[in-house]
Amino acid sequence: MTVAQLFALKTLADAPALSVSELARRTCTHQSTLASVLAFLVSSQLVTRGVSNTDGAGARTELTVTTRGRALLADVTATAQERLIECIEQLPSTERHVFASSLRSIVAGMLLDEERPVMFFEEEASDGEQKRTGPAFS
Protein backbone atom coordinates (compact mmCIF):
# COMPACT_ATOMS: atom_id res chain seq x y z
CA MET A 1 0.00 0.00 0.00
CA THR A 2 1.36 3.44 -0.91
CA VAL A 3 1.48 6.33 1.51
CA ALA A 4 -1.06 8.17 -0.67
CA GLN A 5 -3.50 5.23 -0.39
CA LEU A 6 -2.93 5.13 3.36
CA PHE A 7 -3.53 8.89 3.61
CA ALA A 8 -6.84 8.59 1.72
CA LEU A 9 -7.90 5.63 3.89
CA LYS A 10 -7.05 7.49 7.11
CA THR A 11 -8.92 10.57 5.90
CA LEU A 12 -11.98 8.47 5.08
CA ALA A 13 -11.83 6.79 8.49
CA ASP A 14 -12.22 10.19 10.18
CA ALA A 15 -15.84 10.41 9.00
CA PRO A 16 -18.75 7.98 8.86
CA ALA A 17 -18.97 8.39 5.06
CA LEU A 18 -17.63 10.88 2.53
CA SER A 19 -18.33 11.75 -1.07
CA VAL A 20 -15.44 11.70 -3.53
CA SER A 21 -15.54 15.51 -3.72
CA GLU A 22 -15.38 15.82 0.08
CA LEU A 23 -12.48 13.36 0.23
CA ALA A 24 -10.69 15.38 -2.45
CA ARG A 25 -11.22 18.56 -0.43
CA ARG A 26 -9.95 16.96 2.77
CA THR A 27 -6.87 15.52 1.07
CA CYS A 28 -6.17 18.79 -0.79
CA THR A 29 -6.27 17.09 -4.18
CA HIS A 30 -8.50 16.82 -7.26
CA GLN A 31 -11.17 14.13 -7.68
CA SER A 32 -9.53 12.77 -10.81
CA THR A 33 -6.25 12.39 -8.92
CA LEU A 34 -8.00 10.16 -6.38
CA ALA A 35 -9.38 7.76 -8.99
CA SER A 36 -6.55 5.20 -8.97
CA VAL A 37 -6.12 5.48 -5.19
CA LEU A 38 -9.82 4.77 -4.63
CA ALA A 39 -9.80 1.95 -7.18
CA PHE A 40 -7.10 0.20 -5.14
CA LEU A 41 -8.87 0.80 -1.82
CA VAL A 42 -12.17 -0.55 -3.15
CA SER A 43 -10.62 -3.56 -4.92
CA SER A 44 -8.69 -4.38 -1.73
CA GLN A 45 -11.96 -4.32 0.23
CA LEU A 46 -10.70 -1.53 2.47
CA VAL A 47 -13.41 0.90 1.29
CA THR A 48 -16.93 0.43 -0.04
CA ARG A 49 -18.86 2.65 -2.42
CA GLY A 50 -22.51 3.17 -1.62
CA VAL A 51 -25.29 5.49 -2.71
CA SER A 52 -27.00 7.91 -0.37
CA ASN A 53 -29.70 10.47 -0.94
CA THR A 54 -30.16 11.64 2.64
CA ASP A 55 -29.16 15.26 1.94
CA GLY A 56 -32.23 15.92 -0.25
CA ALA A 57 -30.08 16.92 -3.23
CA GLY A 58 -30.37 13.59 -4.99
CA ALA A 59 -28.28 10.43 -4.90
CA ARG A 60 -24.55 10.70 -4.31
CA THR A 61 -21.77 8.15 -4.06
CA GLU A 62 -20.44 7.73 -0.54
CA LEU A 63 -17.20 6.07 0.49
CA THR A 64 -17.01 4.15 3.76
CA VAL A 65 -14.06 2.40 5.38
CA THR A 66 -14.71 -1.31 5.93
CA THR A 67 -13.91 -3.30 9.07
CA ARG A 68 -10.88 -4.63 7.23
CA GLY A 69 -9.77 -1.07 6.46
CA ARG A 70 -10.18 0.02 10.08
CA ALA A 71 -8.19 -3.00 11.26
CA LEU A 72 -5.36 -2.07 8.91
CA LEU A 73 -5.32 1.46 10.38
CA ALA A 74 -5.11 0.29 13.99
CA ASP A 75 -1.31 0.58 14.17
CA VAL A 76 -0.73 3.36 11.64
CA THR A 77 0.86 6.68 12.58
CA ALA A 78 0.55 10.06 10.88
CA THR A 79 1.42 10.17 7.18
CA ALA A 80 3.65 12.79 5.59
CA GLN A 81 0.59 14.33 3.96
CA GLU A 82 -1.18 14.76 7.30
CA ARG A 83 1.85 16.43 8.85
CA LEU A 84 2.43 18.66 5.83
CA ILE A 85 -1.19 19.85 5.73
CA GLU A 86 -1.16 20.47 9.48
CA CYS A 87 2.03 22.55 9.24
CA ILE A 88 0.76 24.57 6.27
CA GLU A 89 -2.59 25.23 8.01
CA GLN A 90 -0.71 26.60 11.03
CA LEU A 91 1.11 29.21 8.93
CA PRO A 92 -0.27 32.75 9.03
CA SER A 93 -2.36 33.55 5.96
CA THR A 94 0.26 35.80 4.37
CA GLU A 95 2.94 33.12 4.73
CA ARG A 96 0.61 30.49 3.19
CA HIS A 97 0.06 32.77 0.17
CA VAL A 98 3.82 33.35 -0.26
CA PHE A 99 4.42 29.60 0.09
CA ALA A 100 1.75 28.77 -2.52
CA SER A 101 3.10 31.38 -4.91
CA SER A 102 6.65 30.07 -4.47
CA LEU A 103 5.51 26.48 -5.15
CA ARG A 104 3.69 27.58 -8.32
CA SER A 105 6.90 29.29 -9.50
CA ILE A 106 8.98 26.19 -8.77
CA VAL A 107 6.55 23.90 -10.58
CA ALA A 108 6.45 26.23 -13.60
CA GLY A 109 10.26 26.56 -13.56
CA MET A 110 10.56 22.78 -13.64
CA LEU A 111 8.10 22.73 -16.59
CA LEU A 112 5.74 20.54 -14.57
CA ASP A 113 2.73 22.86 -14.62
CA GLU A 114 1.19 20.93 -17.52
CA GLU A 115 1.80 17.49 -15.95
CA ARG A 116 -1.08 15.35 -14.71
CA PRO A 117 -0.95 15.63 -10.91
CA VAL A 118 -0.74 12.58 -8.67
CA MET A 119 -1.12 12.37 -4.93
CA PHE A 120 1.94 13.11 -2.84
CA PHE A 121 3.92 9.84 -2.42
CA GLU A 122 1.77 7.88 -4.90
CA GLU A 123 3.96 5.27 -6.61
CA GLU A 124 2.66 5.71 -10.11
CA ALA A 125 -0.04 7.39 -12.09
CA SER A 126 -2.81 5.31 -13.61
CA ASP A 127 -1.04 5.67 -16.96
CA GLY A 128 1.92 3.71 -15.53
CA GLU A 129 4.33 6.63 -15.27
CA GLN A 130 6.64 6.19 -12.24
CA LYS A 131 6.37 8.79 -9.46
CA ARG A 132 8.41 9.43 -6.31
CA THR A 133 7.51 7.50 -3.19
CA GLY A 134 8.23 7.98 0.47
CA PRO A 135 7.54 6.47 3.86
CA ALA A 136 4.88 7.32 6.42
CA PHE A 137 6.17 9.29 9.37
CA SER A 138 6.25 7.59 12.78
C-alpha atoms as a PDB file:
ATOM      1  CA  MET A   1       0.000   0.000   0.000  1.00  0.00           C
ATOM      2  CA  THR A   2       1.356   3.438  -0.913  1.00  0.00           C
ATOM      3  CA  VAL A   3       1.476   6.325   1.510  1.00  0.00           C
ATOM      4  CA  ALA A   4      -1.062   8.171  -0.672  1.00  0.00           C
ATOM      5  CA  GLN A   5      -3.496   5.233  -0.386  1.00  0.00           C
ATOM      6  CA  LEU A   6      -2.927   5.131   3.359  1.00  0.00           C
ATOM      7  CA  PHE A   7      -3.533   8.893   3.608  1.00  0.00           C
ATOM      8  CA  ALA A   8      -6.837   8.589   1.723  1.00  0.00           C
ATOM      9  CA  LEU A   9      -7.901   5.630   3.887  1.00  0.00           C
ATOM     10  CA  LYS A  10      -7.054   7.494   7.107  1.00  0.00           C
ATOM     11  CA  THR A  11      -8.924  10.572   5.901  1.00  0.00           C
ATOM     12  CA  LEU A  12     -11.978   8.467   5.082  1.00  0.00           C
ATOM     13  CA  ALA A  13     -11.827   6.794   8.487  1.00  0.00           C
ATOM     14  CA  ASP A  14     -12.216  10.186  10.184  1.00  0.00           C
ATOM     15  CA  ALA A  15     -15.840  10.407   9.003  1.00  0.00           C
ATOM     16  CA  PRO A  16     -18.754   7.975   8.864  1.00  0.00           C
ATOM     17  CA  ALA A  17     -18.965   8.392   5.058  1.00  0.00           C
ATOM     18  CA  LEU A  18     -17.625  10.881   2.533  1.00  0.00           C
ATOM     19  CA  SER A  19     -18.330  11.750  -1.074  1.00  0.00           C
ATOM     20  CA  VAL A  20     -15.441  11.704  -3.528  1.00  0.00           C
ATOM     21  CA  SER A  21     -15.536  15.508  -3.717  1.00  0.00           C
ATOM     22  CA  GLU A  22     -15.383  15.821   0.084  1.00  0.00           C
ATOM     23  CA  LEU A  23     -12.477  13.361   0.233  1.00  0.00           C
ATOM     24  CA  ALA A  24     -10.687  15.385  -2.455  1.00  0.00           C
ATOM     25  CA  ARG A  25     -11.223  18.559  -0.433  1.00  0.00           C
ATOM     26  CA  ARG A  26      -9.950  16.965   2.773  1.00  0.00           C
ATOM     27  CA  THR A  27      -6.872  15.516   1.072  1.00  0.00           C
ATOM     28  CA  CYS A  28      -6.174  18.788  -0.794  1.00  0.00           C
ATOM     29  CA  THR A  29      -6.266  17.090  -4.176  1.00  0.00           C
ATOM     30  CA  HIS A  30      -8.496  16.822  -7.258  1.00  0.00           C
ATOM     31  CA  GLN A  31     -11.168  14.135  -7.675  1.00  0.00           C
ATOM     32  CA  SER A  32      -9.527  12.768 -10.814  1.00  0.00           C
ATOM     33  CA  THR A  33      -6.246  12.388  -8.919  1.00  0.00           C
ATOM     34  CA  LEU A  34      -8.004  10.164  -6.379  1.00  0.00           C
ATOM     35  CA  ALA A  35      -9.378   7.759  -8.992  1.00  0.00           C
ATOM     36  CA  SER A  36      -6.548   5.200  -8.972  1.00  0.00           C
ATOM     37  CA  VAL A  37      -6.116   5.476  -5.189  1.00  0.00           C
ATOM     38  CA  LEU A  38      -9.819   4.768  -4.633  1.00  0.00           C
ATOM     39  CA  ALA A  39      -9.803   1.948  -7.182  1.00  0.00           C
ATOM     40  CA  PHE A  40      -7.103   0.202  -5.145  1.00  0.00           C
ATOM     41  CA  LEU A  41      -8.871   0.799  -1.817  1.00  0.00           C
ATOM     42  CA  VAL A  42     -12.175  -0.549  -3.148  1.00  0.00           C
ATOM     43  CA  SER A  43     -10.621  -3.558  -4.920  1.00  0.00           C
ATOM     44  CA  SER A  44      -8.686  -4.381  -1.728  1.00  0.00           C
ATOM     45  CA  GLN A  45     -11.964  -4.322   0.231  1.00  0.00           C
ATOM     46  CA  LEU A  46     -10.702  -1.530   2.471  1.00  0.00           C
ATOM     47  CA  VAL A  47     -13.406   0.902   1.290  1.00  0.00           C
ATOM     48  CA  THR A  48     -16.927   0.431  -0.035  1.00  0.00           C
ATOM     49  CA  ARG A  49     -18.861   2.646  -2.422  1.00  0.00           C
ATOM     50  CA  GLY A  50     -22.511   3.166  -1.625  1.00  0.00           C
ATOM     51  CA  VAL A  51     -25.291   5.490  -2.710  1.00  0.00           C
ATOM     52  CA  SER A  52     -27.004   7.912  -0.371  1.00  0.00           C
ATOM     53  CA  ASN A  53     -29.702  10.471  -0.940  1.00  0.00           C
ATOM     54  CA  THR A  54     -30.162  11.639   2.643  1.00  0.00           C
ATOM     55  CA  ASP A  55     -29.160  15.256   1.942  1.00  0.00           C
ATOM     56  CA  GLY A  56     -32.226  15.922  -0.253  1.00  0.00           C
ATOM     57  CA  ALA A  57     -30.076  16.922  -3.230  1.00  0.00           C
ATOM     58  CA  GLY A  58     -30.370  13.585  -4.986  1.00  0.00           C
ATOM     59  CA  ALA A  59     -28.280  10.432  -4.898  1.00  0.00           C
ATOM     60  CA  ARG A  60     -24.551  10.701  -4.309  1.00  0.00           C
ATOM     61  CA  THR A  61     -21.767   8.148  -4.064  1.00  0.00           C
ATOM     62  CA  GLU A  62     -20.437   7.732  -0.536  1.00  0.00           C
ATOM     63  CA  LEU A  63     -17.205   6.070   0.486  1.00  0.00           C
ATOM     64  CA  THR A  64     -17.007   4.151   3.759  1.00  0.00           C
ATOM     65  CA  VAL A  65     -14.057   2.398   5.385  1.00  0.00           C
ATOM     66  CA  THR A  66     -14.707  -1.311   5.931  1.00  0.00           C
ATOM     67  CA  THR A  67     -13.914  -3.301   9.071  1.00  0.00           C
ATOM     68  CA  ARG A  68     -10.884  -4.626   7.230  1.00  0.00           C
ATOM     69  CA  GLY A  69      -9.773  -1.074   6.457  1.00  0.00           C
ATOM     70  CA  ARG A  70     -10.180   0.021  10.084  1.00  0.00           C
ATOM     71  CA  ALA A  71      -8.194  -3.001  11.264  1.00  0.00           C
ATOM     72  CA  LEU A  72      -5.355  -2.067   8.909  1.00  0.00           C
ATOM     73  CA  LEU A  73      -5.316   1.458  10.379  1.00  0.00           C
ATOM     74  CA  ALA A  74      -5.109   0.287  13.987  1.00  0.00           C
ATOM     75  CA  ASP A  75      -1.314   0.580  14.172  1.00  0.00           C
ATOM     76  CA  VAL A  76      -0.730   3.364  11.637  1.00  0.00           C
ATOM     77  CA  THR A  77       0.862   6.676  12.585  1.00  0.00           C
ATOM     78  CA  ALA A  78       0.545  10.059  10.879  1.00  0.00           C
ATOM     79  CA  THR A  79       1.422  10.174   7.182  1.00  0.00           C
ATOM     80  CA  ALA A  80       3.653  12.788   5.590  1.00  0.00           C
ATOM     81  CA  GLN A  81       0.592  14.332   3.960  1.00  0.00           C
ATOM     82  CA  GLU A  82      -1.182  14.765   7.300  1.00  0.00           C
ATOM     83  CA  ARG A  83       1.854  16.432   8.854  1.00  0.00           C
ATOM     84  CA  LEU A  84       2.428  18.655   5.831  1.00  0.00           C
ATOM     85  CA  ILE A  85      -1.193  19.851   5.729  1.00  0.00           C
ATOM     86  CA  GLU A  86      -1.163  20.473   9.480  1.00  0.00           C
ATOM     87  CA  CYS A  87       2.032  22.549   9.238  1.00  0.00           C
ATOM     88  CA  ILE A  88       0.758  24.575   6.272  1.00  0.00           C
ATOM     89  CA  GLU A  89      -2.587  25.229   8.008  1.00  0.00           C
ATOM     90  CA  GLN A  90      -0.708  26.602  11.028  1.00  0.00           C
ATOM     91  CA  LEU A  91       1.110  29.210   8.928  1.00  0.00           C
ATOM     92  CA  PRO A  92      -0.266  32.746   9.033  1.00  0.00           C
ATOM     93  CA  SER A  93      -2.360  33.554   5.959  1.00  0.00           C
ATOM     94  CA  THR A  94       0.264  35.802   4.368  1.00  0.00           C
ATOM     95  CA  GLU A  95       2.944  33.118   4.735  1.00  0.00           C
ATOM     96  CA  ARG A  96       0.608  30.486   3.186  1.00  0.00           C
ATOM     97  CA  HIS A  97       0.065  32.771   0.175  1.00  0.00           C
ATOM     98  CA  VAL A  98       3.816  33.354  -0.258  1.00  0.00           C
ATOM     99  CA  PHE A  99       4.417  29.597   0.092  1.00  0.00           C
ATOM    100  CA  ALA A 100       1.749  28.767  -2.519  1.00  0.00           C
ATOM    101  CA  SER A 101       3.104  31.385  -4.912  1.00  0.00           C
ATOM    102  CA  SER A 102       6.648  30.065  -4.473  1.00  0.00           C
ATOM    103  CA  LEU A 103       5.515  26.483  -5.154  1.00  0.00           C
ATOM    104  CA  ARG A 104       3.694  27.581  -8.325  1.00  0.00           C
ATOM    105  CA  SER A 105       6.905  29.294  -9.500  1.00  0.00           C
ATOM    106  CA  ILE A 106       8.983  26.191  -8.765  1.00  0.00           C
ATOM    107  CA  VAL A 107       6.550  23.903 -10.582  1.00  0.00           C
ATOM    108  CA  ALA A 108       6.452  26.231 -13.599  1.00  0.00           C
ATOM    109  CA  GLY A 109      10.261  26.562 -13.563  1.00  0.00           C
ATOM    110  CA  MET A 110      10.564  22.778 -13.641  1.00  0.00           C
ATOM    111  CA  LEU A 111       8.098  22.732 -16.589  1.00  0.00           C
ATOM    112  CA  LEU A 112       5.744  20.541 -14.567  1.00  0.00           C
ATOM    113  CA  ASP A 113       2.730  22.864 -14.618  1.00  0.00           C
ATOM    114  CA  GLU A 114       1.193  20.933 -17.522  1.00  0.00           C
ATOM    115  CA  GLU A 115       1.799  17.486 -15.951  1.00  0.00           C
ATOM    116  CA  ARG A 116      -1.076  15.351 -14.709  1.00  0.00           C
ATOM    117  CA  PRO A 117      -0.951  15.626 -10.907  1.00  0.00           C
ATOM    118  CA  VAL A 118      -0.741  12.585  -8.669  1.00  0.00           C
ATOM    119  CA  MET A 119      -1.120  12.368  -4.933  1.00  0.00           C
ATOM    120  CA  PHE A 120       1.941  13.112  -2.845  1.00  0.00           C
ATOM    121  CA  PHE A 121       3.919   9.839  -2.423  1.00  0.00           C
ATOM    122  CA  GLU A 122       1.772   7.876  -4.895  1.00  0.00           C
ATOM    123  CA  GLU A 123       3.958   5.267  -6.608  1.00  0.00           C
ATOM    124  CA  GLU A 124       2.656   5.709 -10.110  1.00  0.00           C
ATOM    125  CA  ALA A 125      -0.045   7.394 -12.089  1.00  0.00           C
ATOM    126  CA  SER A 126      -2.815   5.311 -13.611  1.00  0.00           C
ATOM    127  CA  ASP A 127      -1.042   5.668 -16.962  1.00  0.00           C
ATOM    128  CA  GLY A 128       1.920   3.712 -15.533  1.00  0.00           C
ATOM    129  CA  GLU A 129       4.332   6.633 -15.268  1.00  0.00           C
ATOM    130  CA  GLN A 130       6.636   6.194 -12.237  1.00  0.00           C
ATOM    131  CA  LYS A 131       6.373   8.787  -9.465  1.00  0.00           C
ATOM    132  CA  ARG A 132       8.406   9.426  -6.314  1.00  0.00           C
ATOM    133  CA  THR A 133       7.507   7.496  -3.189  1.00  0.00           C
ATOM    134  CA  GLY A 134       8.227   7.985   0.469  1.00  0.00           C
ATOM    135  CA  PRO A 135       7.542   6.474   3.864  1.00  0.00           C
ATOM    136  CA  ALA A 136       4.878   7.324   6.422  1.00  0.00           C
ATOM    137  CA  PHE A 137       6.165   9.289   9.372  1.00  0.00           C
ATOM    138  CA  SER A 138       6.248   7.593  12.784  1.00  0.00           C
END
